[in-house]
Amino acid sequence: MMIYMLAAAMTIAMLIATAFGLHQESERMRLKEKRTNLRGFGH
C-alpha cells in the first residue's frame, strides 16, 4: 500500500513539474517574441 502511495505522489509531482516547465518555456518564448517585435524597421 505504501508503494502505491509513493508512486501516486511521484506521479503528481512529475505532472506538476511538467506543467511548471511548460509554463516557463512559454513565458520565455513570449518574451523572445516581444523582443523581436520591438525592434521596428530593419535589423
N, C-alpha and C. Protein backbone atom coordinates (compact mmCIF):
# COMPACT_ATOMS: atom_id res chain seq x y z
N MET A 1 0.83 -1.20 0.00
CA MET A 1 0.00 0.00 0.00
C MET A 1 0.87 1.25 0.00
N MET A 2 1.95 1.21 0.77
CA MET A 2 2.82 2.38 0.84
C MET A 2 3.50 2.66 -0.50
N ILE A 3 3.82 1.59 -1.24
CA ILE A 3 4.45 1.76 -2.55
C ILE A 3 3.48 2.46 -3.50
N TYR A 4 2.21 2.11 -3.44
CA TYR A 4 1.22 2.75 -4.31
C TYR A 4 1.08 4.24 -3.98
N MET A 5 1.11 4.57 -2.70
CA MET A 5 1.02 5.96 -2.30
C MET A 5 2.25 6.74 -2.76
N LEU A 6 3.42 6.13 -2.65
CA LEU A 6 4.64 6.77 -3.11
C LEU A 6 4.61 6.97 -4.62
N ALA A 7 4.14 5.97 -5.34
CA ALA A 7 4.05 6.07 -6.79
C ALA A 7 3.06 7.17 -7.20
N ALA A 8 1.94 7.25 -6.51
CA ALA A 8 0.96 8.30 -6.81
C ALA A 8 1.54 9.68 -6.51
N ALA A 9 2.26 9.81 -5.40
CA ALA A 9 2.86 11.09 -5.05
C ALA A 9 3.92 11.49 -6.09
N MET A 10 4.71 10.54 -6.53
CA MET A 10 5.72 10.85 -7.54
C MET A 10 5.08 11.21 -8.88
N THR A 11 3.98 10.56 -9.22
CA THR A 11 3.28 10.88 -10.46
C THR A 11 2.73 12.30 -10.41
N ILE A 12 2.12 12.66 -9.30
CA ILE A 12 1.59 14.01 -9.14
C ILE A 12 2.72 15.03 -9.18
N ALA A 13 3.83 14.73 -8.52
CA ALA A 13 4.97 15.65 -8.53
C ALA A 13 5.51 15.84 -9.94
N MET A 14 5.59 14.77 -10.72
CA MET A 14 6.08 14.88 -12.09
C MET A 14 5.12 15.67 -12.97
N LEU A 15 3.82 15.50 -12.77
CA LEU A 15 2.85 16.28 -13.53
C LEU A 15 2.96 17.77 -13.22
N ILE A 16 3.14 18.09 -11.94
CA ILE A 16 3.29 19.49 -11.54
C ILE A 16 4.59 20.06 -12.13
N ALA A 17 5.67 19.29 -12.07
CA ALA A 17 6.94 19.75 -12.63
C ALA A 17 6.85 19.96 -14.14
N THR A 18 6.13 19.09 -14.83
CA THR A 18 5.95 19.23 -16.26
C THR A 18 5.15 20.48 -16.59
N ALA A 19 4.07 20.71 -15.86
CA ALA A 19 3.26 21.90 -16.08
C ALA A 19 4.07 23.17 -15.82
N PHE A 20 4.87 23.16 -14.76
CA PHE A 20 5.71 24.31 -14.44
C PHE A 20 6.74 24.55 -15.54
N GLY A 21 7.34 23.49 -16.04
CA GLY A 21 8.32 23.60 -17.11
C GLY A 21 7.71 24.14 -18.39
N LEU A 22 6.52 23.67 -18.74
CA LEU A 22 5.84 24.17 -19.93
C LEU A 22 5.50 25.64 -19.78
N HIS A 23 5.08 26.04 -18.58
CA HIS A 23 4.76 27.44 -18.33
C HIS A 23 6.01 28.31 -18.48
N GLN A 24 7.13 27.87 -17.93
CA GLN A 24 8.38 28.63 -18.03
C GLN A 24 8.80 28.75 -19.50
N GLU A 25 8.68 27.68 -20.25
CA GLU A 25 9.07 27.70 -21.66
C GLU A 25 8.19 28.65 -22.46
N SER A 26 6.89 28.64 -22.19
CA SER A 26 6.00 29.54 -22.93
C SER A 26 6.27 31.00 -22.57
N GLU A 27 6.60 31.28 -21.31
CA GLU A 27 6.95 32.65 -20.93
C GLU A 27 8.22 33.09 -21.64
N ARG A 28 9.19 32.20 -21.73
CA ARG A 28 10.45 32.55 -22.39
C ARG A 28 10.23 32.82 -23.88
N MET A 29 9.39 32.00 -24.52
CA MET A 29 9.11 32.21 -25.94
C MET A 29 8.31 33.50 -26.15
N ARG A 30 7.39 33.81 -25.25
CA ARG A 30 6.61 35.03 -25.35
C ARG A 30 7.51 36.25 -25.22
N LEU A 31 8.46 36.20 -24.29
CA LEU A 31 9.39 37.30 -24.11
C LEU A 31 10.29 37.47 -25.33
N LYS A 32 10.73 36.36 -25.90
CA LYS A 32 11.57 36.41 -27.10
C LYS A 32 10.79 37.01 -28.26
N GLU A 33 9.54 36.63 -28.41
CA GLU A 33 8.70 37.17 -29.48
C GLU A 33 8.47 38.66 -29.29
N LYS A 34 8.23 39.08 -28.07
CA LYS A 34 8.02 40.50 -27.78
C LYS A 34 9.29 41.30 -28.10
N ARG A 35 10.45 40.74 -27.76
CA ARG A 35 11.71 41.43 -28.00
C ARG A 35 11.96 41.61 -29.49
N THR A 36 11.62 40.60 -30.31
CA THR A 36 11.84 40.72 -31.74
C THR A 36 10.85 41.70 -32.36
N ASN A 37 9.66 41.84 -31.80
CA ASN A 37 8.68 42.77 -32.35
C ASN A 37 9.01 44.22 -32.01
N LEU A 38 9.77 44.47 -30.97
CA LEU A 38 10.07 45.84 -30.56
C LEU A 38 11.19 46.47 -31.38
N ARG A 39 11.87 45.69 -32.20
CA ARG A 39 12.99 46.25 -32.96
C ARG A 39 12.54 47.24 -34.03
N GLY A 40 11.35 47.10 -34.54
CA GLY A 40 10.85 48.02 -35.55
C GLY A 40 11.40 47.69 -36.93
N PHE A 41 11.66 48.74 -37.70
CA PHE A 41 12.10 48.54 -39.08
C PHE A 41 13.57 48.16 -39.14
N GLY A 42 13.89 47.34 -40.13
CA GLY A 42 15.28 46.95 -40.34
C GLY A 42 15.81 46.04 -39.26
N HIS A 43 17.06 45.69 -39.46
CA HIS A 43 17.73 44.87 -38.43
C HIS A 43 19.20 45.17 -38.48
